[in-house]
Amino acid sequence: MLIALALFAVPSARGAAQGTPTLSDALDAIAAYAPRAMQEQGTPGLSVAITDRNATLRIITLGDANRDARAPVTPQTRFPIGSITKSMTALALLELYDAGHLNLDAPAREYLPWFSIHTLGGPILVHELLSHTAGTPDDFSAEVGYSYDILALRDARTLFAPGTSWSYSNDGYATAGAILARIDGRSWADAVRARVLQPLGMSASSDVFTPEGMASAAIGYQLRDNDRPASQQPPLVASPPLDFVDPAGSVLSTPEDMAKYMRFYLNEGKTGDGRRLISATAFAAMTHPDRLKNGEPAGSSGAVLSEAPSFYRQYGYGLSIFNDGGDHLIGHTGGISGYTACMQVNLTRGFGAVAFANLVEAPLHPCAIVLYAMRVLRAQSLGEPLPSPPPARDPARVSRASEYAGTYTEANGSSLHVVAAGERLYLMKAAKRIELYPRGRDLFWADDPEFAIFLLAFGRDRDGKVIEINYGPRWYAGELYRGPRKFAYPPAWNAFAGRYENTYLGEPAITRVVIVKNRLTLDGTDSLTPLSDGTFELGDSVVRFDAYAGNQPQRLNIDATHFYRVELP
């Protein structure tokens, strides 16, 4: 493992004589934990920047920017920052607000007349796009042009009445970016470059992906076996180079440039030369939770990210808002086509940390090192002992493992035996003991090639007792199961079954339609509820099958995103 540490400021030795931790102690503790954080995420490379209000304190670079070339990550290596880009789109719009060119309470259509969506209430307001309270879907149409994705919303409906709830939406930020371009008179990319990157001195950053621009970036890595759940140490392949322009996530940057970006917030909206980029009023609106129509703060009612549950509980304009023991923090995460990022900034105490990884978004964001850095820096600023690193993550730990234990029998008489041993769960198959790894509520990955394609999905009765299990279309009744053993469903569903693929940003998305009991599902886990018009409901999305060859559909559509049948298992 290649490790490089760059120290950009000489920390104060304040308190050393009294035995209290110094800033140097804190930075060393963070650097010492970084290799383990990188290993547990499974990423080839990692880059971390830590800053205070005045200067970059330390940059930590680990691992490979290019595994084949054995090229190490350096402080100059660029990484896509994914959805942290959203805060830059919001920041540029707030500059227009300060200039009197934007009314945050105006309907979006006032600035973008061709924007259309079926709302479950009044019109969508600009500030609702910025705080994810507009009710727009997340990715209604996953196509390469963000303007087309906005246009596709004319066939969508909001998830709720605008301003009454919260739901993360890339489509909402694409719309906000189009409003920025319309008012500014330049493309979104040109506007963000002129209004954000250049004033903050972020000269090593880029607003878009191009193959030329990505040449100085770390190689992104995605899962080689993307047609199945990820194993514990999944094989990786390089993400292909691509063109990508998107107000929700196409900025690339370096640790030093992102340290400058964090200092902008640490200095209450001022550039490095002390010039105010946005007003105090705009800065306060951006860095505090937006308000729903009932006065409640905008934000998710539950955990959005398992690796960082506190993110997105409250949300401002392009930023997650936190309260840590009375400290006011902001932050965001990002993930795009082989890359992930995580940022958090303590506005009260004056420090921030950002981390980038060159690994697909699916496993984890690199938040562990950022969250630990923030805890360490806060403790040091208070003169308290530095906290120990978080305990090693145990990917096989199963809480209440005994609930799943038992024998499950298929209609043909074959059976699966599940046994619990402490906080471990095993599938017994002949003489093999196969360890099970939790992958969501009642979902498990089995460490065996025979069970590589689907997750094992346990089902519960109304009393919460585990009574059944399915592996894709194969269904097994448990010893507590008391329901029917034979099931009827429309014969036409048999033609729907099969494998469907979509390639977006060079990263294939693959799903299999399978029938479980009397349910049509995606991958045996997500049920499709039939609607009267022949379509299906999948959460907040609508699924339909079309493009028939004979009696067999060749296309599966989830909202306006298309998946095509592929004749593979």
Protein backbone atom coordinates (compact mmCIF):
# COMPACT_ATOMS: atom_id res chain seq x y z
CA MET A 1 0.00 0.00 0.00
CA LEU A 2 1.34 3.38 -1.01
CA ILE A 3 0.93 6.11 1.60
CA ALA A 4 1.80 9.76 1.19
CA LEU A 5 1.26 12.43 3.83
CA ALA A 6 1.55 16.12 3.05
CA LEU A 7 1.59 18.59 5.94
CA PHE A 8 0.56 22.06 4.85
CA ALA A 9 0.52 23.90 8.15
CA VAL A 10 2.58 23.54 11.29
CA PRO A 11 0.06 22.79 14.04
CA SER A 12 0.20 24.61 17.33
CA ALA A 13 1.65 22.79 20.30
CA ARG A 14 -0.95 24.44 22.52
CA GLY A 15 -1.63 22.39 25.60
CA ALA A 16 1.20 19.92 25.02
CA ALA A 17 2.81 20.75 28.35
CA GLN A 18 -0.46 20.02 30.16
CA GLY A 19 -0.83 16.69 28.37
CA THR A 20 -3.84 17.75 26.33
CA PRO A 21 -3.81 16.68 22.68
CA THR A 22 -2.29 19.07 20.16
CA LEU A 23 -3.57 19.65 16.65
CA SER A 24 -0.61 17.62 15.42
CA ASP A 25 -1.75 14.74 17.65
CA ALA A 26 -5.23 14.98 16.16
CA LEU A 27 -3.98 14.98 12.57
CA ASP A 28 -1.68 12.04 13.28
CA ALA A 29 -4.59 10.07 14.77
CA ILE A 30 -6.68 10.68 11.66
CA ALA A 31 -3.80 9.66 9.38
CA ALA A 32 -3.21 6.51 11.42
CA TYR A 33 -6.84 5.44 10.98
CA ALA A 34 -7.00 6.22 7.26
CA PRO A 35 -5.47 2.94 5.97
CA ARG A 36 -8.03 0.88 7.89
CA ALA A 37 -10.88 3.09 6.70
CA MET A 38 -9.68 2.57 3.14
CA GLN A 39 -9.36 -1.20 3.61
CA GLU A 40 -12.84 -1.54 5.11
CA GLN A 41 -14.37 0.43 2.24
CA GLY A 42 -12.53 -1.79 -0.23
CA THR A 43 -11.47 1.09 -2.45
CA PRO A 44 -8.25 1.01 -4.50
CA GLY A 45 -7.36 4.59 -3.53
CA LEU A 46 -8.29 7.27 -1.03
CA SER A 47 -7.61 11.01 -0.75
CA VAL A 48 -8.42 13.14 2.31
CA ALA A 49 -8.14 16.89 2.93
CA ILE A 50 -8.43 18.56 6.34
CA THR A 51 -8.64 22.32 6.70
CA ASP A 52 -9.35 25.05 9.22
CA ARG A 53 -10.56 28.58 8.42
CA ASN A 54 -7.11 29.74 7.34
CA ALA A 55 -5.27 26.96 5.54
CA THR A 56 -5.13 23.31 4.60
CA LEU A 57 -3.85 21.40 7.60
CA ARG A 58 -3.12 18.06 6.00
CA ILE A 59 -3.68 16.04 2.87
CA ILE A 60 -3.57 12.25 3.13
CA THR A 61 -3.29 10.10 0.02
CA LEU A 62 -3.40 6.33 0.02
CA GLY A 63 -3.40 3.50 -2.48
CA ASP A 64 -3.69 3.48 -6.23
CA ALA A 65 -5.10 5.97 -8.69
CA ASN A 66 -4.51 3.32 -11.37
CA ARG A 67 -4.11 -0.27 -10.22
CA ASP A 68 -2.79 -1.61 -13.51
CA ALA A 69 -0.08 1.05 -13.76
CA ARG A 70 0.54 0.98 -9.99
CA ALA A 71 0.22 4.76 -10.10
CA PRO A 72 -0.33 6.14 -6.59
CA VAL A 73 -2.92 8.67 -5.53
CA THR A 74 -1.17 12.03 -5.06
CA PRO A 75 -2.37 15.42 -3.81
CA GLN A 76 -2.75 16.43 -7.46
CA THR A 77 -5.01 13.48 -8.36
CA ARG A 78 -8.50 14.59 -9.30
CA PHE A 79 -11.65 12.77 -8.21
CA PRO A 80 -15.29 13.31 -9.17
CA ILE A 81 -17.18 14.69 -6.17
CA GLY A 82 -20.61 13.44 -7.30
CA SER A 83 -23.55 15.05 -5.54
CA ILE A 84 -21.42 17.53 -3.62
CA THR A 85 -21.82 19.34 -6.95
CA LYS A 86 -25.40 20.14 -5.89
CA SER A 87 -24.15 22.67 -3.36
CA MET A 88 -22.24 24.45 -6.13
CA THR A 89 -25.37 24.67 -8.27
CA ALA A 90 -27.24 26.10 -5.27
CA LEU A 91 -24.42 28.53 -4.52
CA ALA A 92 -24.44 29.93 -8.06
CA LEU A 93 -28.21 30.39 -7.90
CA LEU A 94 -27.90 32.24 -4.61
CA GLU A 95 -25.54 34.70 -6.29
CA LEU A 96 -28.33 35.41 -8.74
CA TYR A 97 -30.73 35.75 -5.81
CA ASP A 98 -28.45 38.38 -4.23
CA ALA A 99 -28.32 40.22 -7.55
CA GLY A 100 -32.10 40.40 -7.68
CA HIS A 101 -32.43 38.06 -10.65
CA LEU A 102 -34.00 35.12 -8.79
CA ASN A 103 -36.96 34.80 -6.45
CA LEU A 104 -36.55 31.63 -4.38
CA ASP A 105 -40.29 31.59 -3.70
CA ALA A 106 -41.27 31.85 -7.36
CA PRO A 107 -42.59 28.87 -9.35
CA ALA A 108 -39.84 27.10 -11.29
CA ARG A 109 -41.83 27.59 -14.50
CA GLU A 110 -41.44 31.34 -14.18
CA TYR A 111 -37.79 30.84 -15.17
CA LEU A 112 -38.13 27.60 -17.13
CA PRO A 113 -41.41 27.77 -19.06
CA TRP A 114 -40.98 24.35 -20.68
CA PHE A 115 -40.65 22.58 -17.31
CA SER A 116 -43.71 20.43 -16.68
CA ILE A 117 -44.73 17.77 -14.16
CA HIS A 118 -48.06 16.62 -12.77
CA THR A 119 -48.08 17.94 -9.21
CA LEU A 120 -50.14 16.66 -6.33
CA GLY A 121 -50.55 20.21 -5.08
CA GLY A 122 -49.49 23.69 -6.09
CA PRO A 123 -46.58 24.65 -8.37
CA ILE A 124 -43.00 23.69 -7.56
CA LEU A 125 -41.05 26.62 -6.16
CA VAL A 126 -37.36 27.25 -6.78
CA HIS A 127 -36.28 26.81 -3.16
CA GLU A 128 -38.11 23.46 -3.08
CA LEU A 129 -35.86 22.19 -5.87
CA LEU A 130 -32.81 23.24 -3.85
CA SER A 131 -33.92 21.49 -0.66
CA HIS A 132 -35.41 18.30 -2.18
CA THR A 133 -38.89 19.28 -1.02
CA ALA A 134 -40.42 19.64 -4.50
CA GLY A 135 -41.51 16.00 -4.71
CA THR A 136 -39.77 15.43 -8.06
CA PRO A 137 -38.63 11.83 -8.62
CA ASP A 138 -34.98 11.01 -8.07
CA ASP A 139 -34.04 9.66 -11.52
CA PHE A 140 -37.24 9.39 -13.53
CA SER A 141 -35.26 9.08 -16.75
CA ALA A 142 -31.67 7.89 -16.56
CA GLU A 143 -30.35 9.25 -19.86
CA VAL A 144 -27.12 11.04 -20.71
CA GLY A 145 -28.58 14.51 -21.31
CA TYR A 146 -29.82 16.27 -18.17
CA SER A 147 -32.14 18.54 -20.20
CA TYR A 148 -33.85 15.46 -21.61
CA ASP A 149 -34.25 14.09 -18.09
CA ILE A 150 -36.05 17.30 -17.12
CA LEU A 151 -38.22 17.15 -20.24
CA ALA A 152 -39.17 13.54 -19.42
CA LEU A 153 -40.76 14.76 -16.19
CA ARG A 154 -43.77 15.92 -18.23
CA ASP A 155 -44.93 12.29 -17.94
CA ALA A 156 -44.19 12.09 -14.21
CA ARG A 157 -46.07 13.11 -11.11
CA THR A 158 -44.68 14.50 -7.88
CA LEU A 159 -44.27 12.08 -5.00
CA PHE A 160 -46.19 14.44 -2.72
CA ALA A 161 -47.61 17.95 -2.75
CA PRO A 162 -44.63 20.27 -3.26
CA GLY A 163 -43.30 21.66 -0.01
CA THR A 164 -44.97 19.09 2.25
CA SER A 165 -42.26 16.42 2.58
CA TRP A 166 -38.68 15.53 1.61
CA SER A 167 -37.29 13.16 -1.00
CA TYR A 168 -33.81 13.26 -2.53
CA SER A 169 -33.99 14.12 -6.21
CA ASN A 170 -31.32 14.33 -8.88
CA ASP A 171 -34.05 15.43 -11.29
CA GLY A 172 -34.83 18.36 -9.00
CA TYR A 173 -31.23 19.54 -9.19
CA ALA A 174 -31.09 19.04 -12.95
CA THR A 175 -34.07 21.41 -13.10
CA ALA A 176 -32.33 23.88 -10.78
CA GLY A 177 -29.26 23.77 -13.05
CA ALA A 178 -31.40 24.53 -16.09
CA ILE A 179 -32.86 27.54 -14.25
CA LEU A 180 -29.32 28.71 -13.47
CA ALA A 181 -28.37 28.47 -17.14
CA ARG A 182 -31.52 30.28 -18.25
CA ILE A 183 -31.05 33.24 -15.89
CA ASP A 184 -27.26 33.45 -16.19
CA GLY A 185 -27.29 33.32 -19.98
CA ARG A 186 -24.51 30.72 -20.09
CA SER A 187 -24.48 26.96 -19.93
CA TRP A 188 -24.76 25.45 -16.46
CA ALA A 189 -21.10 24.39 -16.66
CA ASP A 190 -19.90 27.86 -17.67
CA ALA A 191 -22.02 29.48 -14.96
CA VAL A 192 -20.67 27.23 -12.19
CA ARG A 193 -17.12 27.67 -13.40
CA ALA A 194 -17.47 31.47 -13.45
CA ARG A 195 -19.50 31.83 -10.28
CA VAL A 196 -17.98 29.15 -8.04
CA LEU A 197 -14.77 27.51 -9.22
CA GLN A 198 -12.95 30.64 -10.41
CA PRO A 199 -13.84 32.99 -7.51
CA LEU A 200 -12.77 30.36 -4.99
CA GLY A 201 -9.48 29.70 -6.76
CA MET A 202 -10.39 26.10 -7.58
CA SER A 203 -8.18 26.08 -10.65
CA ALA A 204 -7.53 22.33 -10.61
CA SER A 205 -11.26 21.51 -10.71
CA SER A 206 -13.50 20.84 -13.70
CA ASP A 207 -17.24 21.27 -14.03
CA VAL A 208 -17.75 18.34 -16.44
CA PHE A 209 -16.39 14.92 -17.35
CA THR A 210 -14.59 14.57 -20.66
CA PRO A 211 -12.09 11.84 -21.59
CA GLU A 212 -9.38 14.50 -21.73
CA GLY A 213 -10.33 15.94 -18.36
CA MET A 214 -10.52 12.50 -16.79
CA ALA A 215 -6.97 11.75 -17.89
CA SER A 216 -5.67 13.53 -14.77
CA ALA A 217 -8.21 11.84 -12.51
CA ALA A 218 -7.97 8.59 -10.62
CA ILE A 219 -9.33 5.62 -12.52
CA GLY A 220 -12.79 4.80 -11.19
CA TYR A 221 -13.56 1.18 -10.39
CA GLN A 222 -16.84 -0.66 -10.55
CA LEU A 223 -17.92 -4.22 -9.80
CA ARG A 224 -16.92 -6.72 -12.47
CA ASP A 225 -19.85 -9.00 -11.66
CA ASN A 226 -22.56 -6.38 -11.86
CA ASP A 227 -25.28 -8.92 -12.64
CA ARG A 228 -25.44 -10.14 -9.05
CA PRO A 229 -25.09 -9.00 -5.43
CA ALA A 230 -21.56 -7.95 -4.55
CA SER A 231 -19.42 -10.51 -2.74
CA GLN A 232 -17.37 -9.57 0.30
CA GLN A 233 -14.28 -8.86 -1.81
CA PRO A 234 -15.77 -8.27 -5.24
CA PRO A 235 -13.54 -8.25 -8.33
CA LEU A 236 -13.23 -4.74 -9.76
CA VAL A 237 -12.82 -3.39 -13.27
CA ALA A 238 -12.09 0.13 -14.47
CA SER A 239 -15.05 2.34 -15.30
CA PRO A 240 -14.98 3.44 -18.95
CA PRO A 241 -14.14 7.07 -19.82
CA LEU A 242 -17.19 9.15 -20.62
CA ASP A 243 -18.68 12.57 -21.21
CA PHE A 244 -20.93 13.78 -18.42
CA VAL A 245 -22.54 17.15 -17.74
CA ASP A 246 -24.99 17.38 -14.85
CA PRO A 247 -25.90 20.05 -12.28
CA ALA A 248 -26.48 17.24 -9.78
CA GLY A 249 -23.02 15.67 -9.95
CA SER A 250 -20.40 16.28 -12.66
CA VAL A 251 -17.68 18.32 -10.90
CA LEU A 252 -14.15 16.90 -10.50
CA SER A 253 -11.76 18.30 -7.94
CA THR A 254 -8.60 17.79 -5.90
CA PRO A 255 -8.17 17.70 -2.12
CA GLU A 256 -6.57 21.16 -2.07
CA ASP A 257 -9.35 22.69 -4.18
CA MET A 258 -12.00 21.12 -1.97
CA ALA A 259 -10.19 22.48 1.08
CA LYS A 260 -10.66 25.92 -0.50
CA TYR A 261 -14.32 25.12 -1.00
CA MET A 262 -14.73 24.16 2.66
CA ARG A 263 -12.95 27.35 3.74
CA PHE A 264 -15.54 29.36 1.82
CA TYR A 265 -18.16 28.01 4.24
CA LEU A 266 -15.90 28.25 7.28
CA ASN A 267 -15.51 31.96 6.50
CA GLU A 268 -19.26 32.54 6.18
CA GLY A 269 -19.47 32.91 2.42
CA LYS A 270 -16.22 34.73 1.69
CA THR A 271 -13.57 33.93 -0.89
CA GLY A 272 -9.91 33.46 -0.06
CA ASP A 273 -9.22 37.18 -0.51
CA GLY A 274 -11.99 38.13 1.90
CA ARG A 275 -14.62 39.07 -0.68
CA ARG A 276 -18.18 38.06 0.14
CA LEU A 277 -19.52 35.84 -2.64
CA ILE A 278 -23.06 35.64 -1.28
CA SER A 279 -24.85 37.76 1.29
CA ALA A 280 -25.16 36.82 4.93
CA THR A 281 -28.86 36.24 4.33
CA ALA A 282 -28.22 33.87 1.43
CA PHE A 283 -25.47 32.09 3.37
CA ALA A 284 -27.80 31.54 6.33
CA ALA A 285 -30.53 30.18 4.05
CA MET A 286 -28.10 27.77 2.40
CA THR A 287 -26.60 26.45 5.63
CA HIS A 288 -29.77 26.04 7.70
CA PRO A 289 -32.64 23.63 7.10
CA ASP A 290 -35.26 24.77 4.64
CA ARG A 291 -38.80 24.73 6.01
CA LEU A 292 -41.78 22.70 4.87
CA LYS A 293 -45.15 24.36 4.54
CA ASN A 294 -46.05 23.15 8.03
CA GLY A 295 -42.95 24.81 9.47
CA GLU A 296 -41.03 21.61 10.08
CA PRO A 297 -37.39 21.45 8.91
CA ALA A 298 -36.73 19.77 5.57
CA GLY A 299 -34.96 16.44 5.76
CA SER A 300 -35.30 12.69 5.70
CA SER A 301 -37.36 10.98 8.39
CA GLY A 302 -35.01 7.97 8.35
CA ALA A 303 -31.42 7.02 7.63
CA VAL A 304 -30.50 7.48 3.96
CA LEU A 305 -26.99 6.01 4.20
CA SER A 306 -26.11 3.09 6.45
CA GLU A 307 -22.48 4.25 6.62
CA ALA A 308 -23.49 7.77 7.69
CA PRO A 309 -26.99 7.70 9.23
CA SER A 310 -26.90 11.33 10.36
CA PHE A 311 -26.62 12.62 6.79
CA TYR A 312 -29.76 14.14 5.27
CA ARG A 313 -31.82 14.23 8.48
CA GLN A 314 -31.98 17.99 7.85
CA TYR A 315 -31.31 19.72 4.55
CA GLY A 316 -30.66 23.29 3.41
CA TYR A 317 -29.79 24.29 -0.15
CA GLY A 318 -27.54 21.59 -1.57
CA LEU A 319 -26.20 20.79 1.90
CA SER A 320 -27.02 18.40 4.70
CA ILE A 321 -27.31 20.18 8.06
CA PHE A 322 -26.17 18.71 11.39
CA ASN A 323 -26.21 19.62 15.07
CA ASP A 324 -23.36 17.99 16.97
CA GLY A 325 -23.54 18.86 20.66
CA GLY A 326 -24.59 22.41 19.79
CA ASP A 327 -22.10 22.75 16.93
CA HIS A 328 -23.47 23.75 13.53
CA LEU A 329 -22.21 21.44 10.76
CA ILE A 330 -22.88 21.07 7.04
CA GLY A 331 -21.91 18.36 4.59
CA HIS A 332 -22.80 16.10 1.70
CA THR A 333 -21.87 12.83 0.05
CA GLY A 334 -21.42 11.98 -3.60
CA GLY A 335 -21.19 8.97 -5.86
CA ILE A 336 -20.92 8.61 -9.62
CA SER A 337 -19.67 5.92 -12.02
CA GLY A 338 -16.83 4.39 -10.05
CA TYR A 339 -16.27 7.17 -7.50
CA THR A 340 -17.53 8.23 -4.09
CA ALA A 341 -16.95 11.25 -1.86
CA CYS A 342 -17.91 12.54 1.59
CA MET A 343 -17.57 16.02 3.12
CA GLN A 344 -18.40 17.56 6.48
CA VAL A 345 -17.62 21.03 7.85
CA ASN A 346 -17.96 22.32 11.43
CA LEU A 347 -18.95 25.97 11.06
CA THR A 348 -18.89 26.57 14.80
CA ARG A 349 -15.37 25.35 15.55
CA GLY A 350 -13.80 26.10 12.21
CA PHE A 351 -12.62 22.90 10.58
CA GLY A 352 -13.68 20.49 7.87
CA ALA A 353 -12.74 17.24 6.16
CA VAL A 354 -13.42 15.73 2.76
CA ALA A 355 -12.56 12.30 1.38
CA PHE A 356 -12.63 10.81 -2.11
CA ALA A 357 -12.48 7.16 -3.18
CA ASN A 358 -12.26 5.58 -6.62
CA LEU A 359 -14.87 2.91 -6.03
CA VAL A 360 -18.45 2.51 -7.23
CA GLU A 361 -21.15 3.97 -5.01
CA ALA A 362 -22.84 0.66 -4.22
CA PRO A 363 -20.66 -0.64 -1.34
CA LEU A 364 -19.92 2.45 0.81
CA HIS A 365 -19.07 6.15 0.72
CA PRO A 366 -15.72 7.11 2.34
CA CYS A 367 -17.53 8.69 5.30
CA ALA A 368 -15.83 6.65 8.03
CA ILE A 369 -12.58 8.65 7.81
CA VAL A 370 -14.47 11.98 7.59
CA LEU A 371 -16.71 11.28 10.57
CA TYR A 372 -13.76 10.11 12.64
CA ALA A 373 -11.76 13.19 11.63
CA MET A 374 -14.58 15.45 12.76
CA ARG A 375 -14.82 13.70 16.14
CA VAL A 376 -11.06 13.92 16.67
CA LEU A 377 -10.82 17.57 15.67
CA ARG A 378 -13.74 18.51 17.91
CA ALA A 379 -12.23 16.70 20.89
CA GLN A 380 -8.88 18.41 20.32
CA SER A 381 -10.53 21.83 20.06
CA LEU A 382 -12.20 21.19 23.44
CA GLY A 383 -8.99 19.97 25.05
CA GLU A 384 -10.49 16.52 25.54
CA PRO A 385 -8.81 13.13 24.99
CA LEU A 386 -8.86 12.06 21.36
CA PRO A 387 -11.46 9.38 20.64
CA SER A 388 -10.36 5.94 19.53
CA PRO A 389 -11.11 4.92 15.95
CA PRO A 390 -14.46 3.21 15.46
CA PRO A 391 -14.45 -0.54 16.10
CA ALA A 392 -13.68 -2.71 13.11
CA ARG A 393 -16.79 -3.29 11.05
CA ASP A 394 -18.08 -6.86 11.22
CA PRO A 395 -19.88 -7.49 7.91
CA ALA A 396 -21.21 -10.88 9.05
CA ARG A 397 -22.82 -9.72 12.30
CA VAL A 398 -26.53 -10.50 12.39
CA SER A 399 -28.63 -9.01 15.17
CA ARG A 400 -31.25 -11.47 16.46
CA ALA A 401 -29.80 -14.22 14.28
CA SER A 402 -31.90 -16.86 16.03
CA GLU A 403 -35.07 -15.39 14.47
CA TYR A 404 -34.01 -16.80 11.09
CA ALA A 405 -32.96 -20.29 12.23
CA GLY A 406 -35.01 -23.24 11.07
CA THR A 407 -35.79 -25.58 8.20
CA TYR A 408 -37.43 -24.22 5.05
CA THR A 409 -38.99 -26.60 2.53
CA GLU A 410 -39.69 -26.19 -1.19
CA ALA A 411 -42.77 -27.67 -2.90
CA ASN A 412 -40.65 -30.45 -4.42
CA GLY A 413 -39.45 -31.50 -0.97
CA SER A 414 -35.95 -29.98 -1.10
CA SER A 415 -35.04 -27.93 1.92
CA LEU A 416 -32.74 -25.26 3.29
CA HIS A 417 -31.45 -25.43 6.85
CA VAL A 418 -30.52 -22.15 8.51
CA VAL A 419 -28.64 -22.22 11.80
CA ALA A 420 -27.62 -19.42 14.13
CA ALA A 421 -24.42 -19.32 16.17
CA GLY A 422 -24.32 -16.25 18.36
CA GLU A 423 -24.47 -13.27 16.00
CA ARG A 424 -23.67 -15.41 12.97
CA LEU A 425 -26.03 -17.05 10.52
CA TYR A 426 -25.28 -20.06 8.34
CA LEU A 427 -27.00 -21.92 5.54
CA MET A 428 -26.38 -25.67 5.76
CA LYS A 429 -26.18 -27.34 2.36
CA ALA A 430 -25.17 -31.01 2.46
CA ALA A 431 -21.82 -30.95 4.25
CA LYS A 432 -21.25 -27.25 3.62
CA ARG A 433 -21.75 -24.45 6.13
CA ILE A 434 -22.32 -21.28 4.13
CA GLU A 435 -21.99 -17.97 5.98
CA LEU A 436 -24.73 -15.40 5.42
CA TYR A 437 -24.04 -11.65 5.31
CA PRO A 438 -26.81 -9.10 5.94
CA ARG A 439 -27.61 -6.84 3.00
CA GLY A 440 -30.74 -5.07 4.21
CA ARG A 441 -33.77 -5.90 6.30
CA ASP A 442 -34.26 -9.69 6.10
CA LEU A 443 -31.92 -9.89 3.09
CA PHE A 444 -28.68 -11.90 3.04
CA TRP A 445 -25.86 -12.72 0.66
CA ALA A 446 -24.70 -16.33 0.82
CA ASP A 447 -20.97 -16.94 0.42
CA ASP A 448 -21.29 -19.79 -2.08
CA PRO A 449 -21.33 -19.94 -5.91
CA GLU A 450 -24.63 -21.84 -5.88
CA PHE A 451 -26.31 -18.77 -4.37
CA ALA A 452 -24.43 -16.05 -6.27
CA ILE A 453 -27.22 -14.58 -8.42
CA PHE A 454 -29.85 -13.51 -5.89
CA LEU A 455 -30.06 -12.50 -2.27
CA LEU A 456 -31.80 -14.78 0.17
CA ALA A 457 -34.98 -12.98 1.22
CA PHE A 458 -36.75 -13.98 4.43
CA GLY A 459 -40.44 -13.20 4.89
CA ARG A 460 -42.40 -12.55 8.10
CA ASP A 461 -45.99 -12.97 9.16
CA ARG A 462 -48.16 -10.26 10.67
CA ASP A 463 -46.71 -10.99 14.09
CA GLY A 464 -43.19 -10.41 12.83
CA LYS A 465 -42.14 -14.07 12.92
CA VAL A 466 -39.92 -15.35 10.12
CA ILE A 467 -41.96 -17.91 8.18
CA GLU A 468 -40.48 -18.23 4.68
CA ILE A 469 -37.51 -17.66 2.45
CA ASN A 470 -36.96 -17.26 -1.27
CA TYR A 471 -33.90 -17.33 -3.47
CA GLY A 472 -35.02 -15.64 -6.66
CA PRO A 473 -38.08 -17.60 -7.88
CA ARG A 474 -37.45 -20.54 -5.55
CA TRP A 475 -39.71 -20.36 -2.51
CA TYR A 476 -39.38 -22.29 0.74
CA ALA A 477 -41.92 -22.45 3.57
CA GLY A 478 -40.65 -22.39 7.12
CA GLU A 479 -41.82 -24.49 10.02
CA LEU A 480 -44.06 -21.64 11.23
CA TYR A 481 -45.68 -21.06 7.84
CA ARG A 482 -49.45 -21.65 7.88
CA GLY A 483 -50.55 -20.27 4.51
CA PRO A 484 -51.31 -21.86 1.13
CA ARG A 485 -48.72 -23.93 -0.69
CA LYS A 486 -50.03 -23.45 -4.23
CA PHE A 487 -50.44 -20.08 -5.90
CA ALA A 488 -52.18 -18.65 -8.96
CA TYR A 489 -51.11 -15.66 -11.02
CA PRO A 490 -51.93 -14.34 -14.52
CA PRO A 491 -50.33 -16.64 -17.13
CA ALA A 492 -49.14 -13.58 -19.08
CA TRP A 493 -46.61 -12.93 -16.33
CA ASN A 494 -44.57 -15.91 -17.51
CA ALA A 495 -43.61 -13.92 -20.61
CA PHE A 496 -42.33 -11.06 -18.45
CA ALA A 497 -39.75 -13.21 -16.66
CA GLY A 498 -36.15 -12.75 -17.71
CA ARG A 499 -33.07 -10.58 -17.50
CA TYR A 500 -33.14 -6.88 -18.46
CA GLU A 501 -30.22 -4.44 -18.74
CA ASN A 502 -29.57 -0.72 -18.95
CA THR A 503 -26.21 0.99 -19.33
CA TYR A 504 -26.02 4.47 -17.80
CA LEU A 505 -22.75 6.38 -17.42
CA GLY A 506 -20.84 3.27 -18.43
CA GLU A 507 -22.13 1.30 -15.47
CA PRO A 508 -24.53 -1.53 -16.39
CA ALA A 509 -27.68 -1.93 -14.31
CA ILE A 510 -29.14 -5.42 -14.46
CA THR A 511 -32.37 -6.77 -13.01
CA ARG A 512 -34.19 -10.07 -13.32
CA VAL A 513 -37.96 -10.36 -13.34
CA VAL A 514 -38.98 -13.47 -11.41
CA ILE A 515 -42.24 -14.83 -10.02
CA VAL A 516 -42.29 -15.64 -6.32
CA LYS A 517 -45.45 -17.40 -5.15
CA ASN A 518 -48.13 -15.17 -6.71
CA ARG A 519 -45.97 -12.06 -6.90
CA LEU A 520 -44.12 -10.56 -9.85
CA THR A 521 -40.79 -9.24 -8.53
CA LEU A 522 -37.49 -7.71 -9.49
CA ASP A 523 -34.71 -10.05 -8.36
CA GLY A 524 -37.04 -11.88 -6.01
CA THR A 525 -37.07 -9.01 -3.51
CA ASP A 526 -38.99 -5.99 -4.89
CA SER A 527 -42.65 -6.75 -5.57
CA LEU A 528 -44.45 -5.24 -8.56
CA THR A 529 -48.05 -4.40 -7.67
CA PRO A 530 -50.39 -4.79 -10.69
CA LEU A 531 -52.46 -1.74 -11.67
CA SER A 532 -55.70 -1.68 -13.64
CA ASP A 533 -54.07 -0.35 -16.83
CA GLY A 534 -51.63 -3.28 -17.13
CA THR A 535 -48.69 -1.46 -15.55
CA PHE A 536 -47.18 -2.16 -12.14
CA GLU A 537 -46.37 -0.08 -9.12
CA LEU A 538 -42.86 -0.24 -7.65
CA GLY A 539 -42.69 2.07 -4.66
CA ASP A 540 -43.14 5.55 -6.13
CA SER A 541 -42.37 4.35 -9.66
CA VAL A 542 -44.47 2.84 -12.44
CA VAL A 543 -43.22 -0.24 -14.30
CA ARG A 544 -44.45 -1.32 -17.70
CA PHE A 545 -43.49 -3.94 -20.26
CA ASP A 546 -43.55 -3.20 -24.00
CA ALA A 547 -41.74 -3.71 -27.34
CA TYR A 548 -43.13 -7.20 -27.88
CA ALA A 549 -41.50 -9.80 -30.12
CA GLY A 550 -44.32 -12.31 -30.41
CA ASN A 551 -45.78 -12.59 -26.91
CA GLN A 552 -42.56 -11.66 -25.12
CA PRO A 553 -41.74 -8.07 -24.13
CA GLN A 554 -38.25 -6.93 -25.02
CA ARG A 555 -38.27 -3.85 -22.81
CA LEU A 556 -38.91 -3.15 -19.13
CA ASN A 557 -39.53 0.50 -18.28
CA ILE A 558 -39.17 1.91 -14.78
CA ASP A 559 -40.73 5.33 -15.16
CA ALA A 560 -38.86 6.68 -18.22
CA THR A 561 -35.74 4.55 -17.78
CA HIS A 562 -35.51 1.63 -20.19
CA PHE A 563 -34.11 -1.86 -19.55
CA TYR A 564 -33.79 -4.27 -22.49
CA ARG A 565 -34.18 -8.04 -22.46
CA VAL A 566 -30.94 -9.97 -22.75
CA GLU A 567 -31.02 -13.71 -23.34
CA LEU A 568 -28.79 -14.63 -20.43
CA PRO A 569 -29.60 -16.31 -17.11
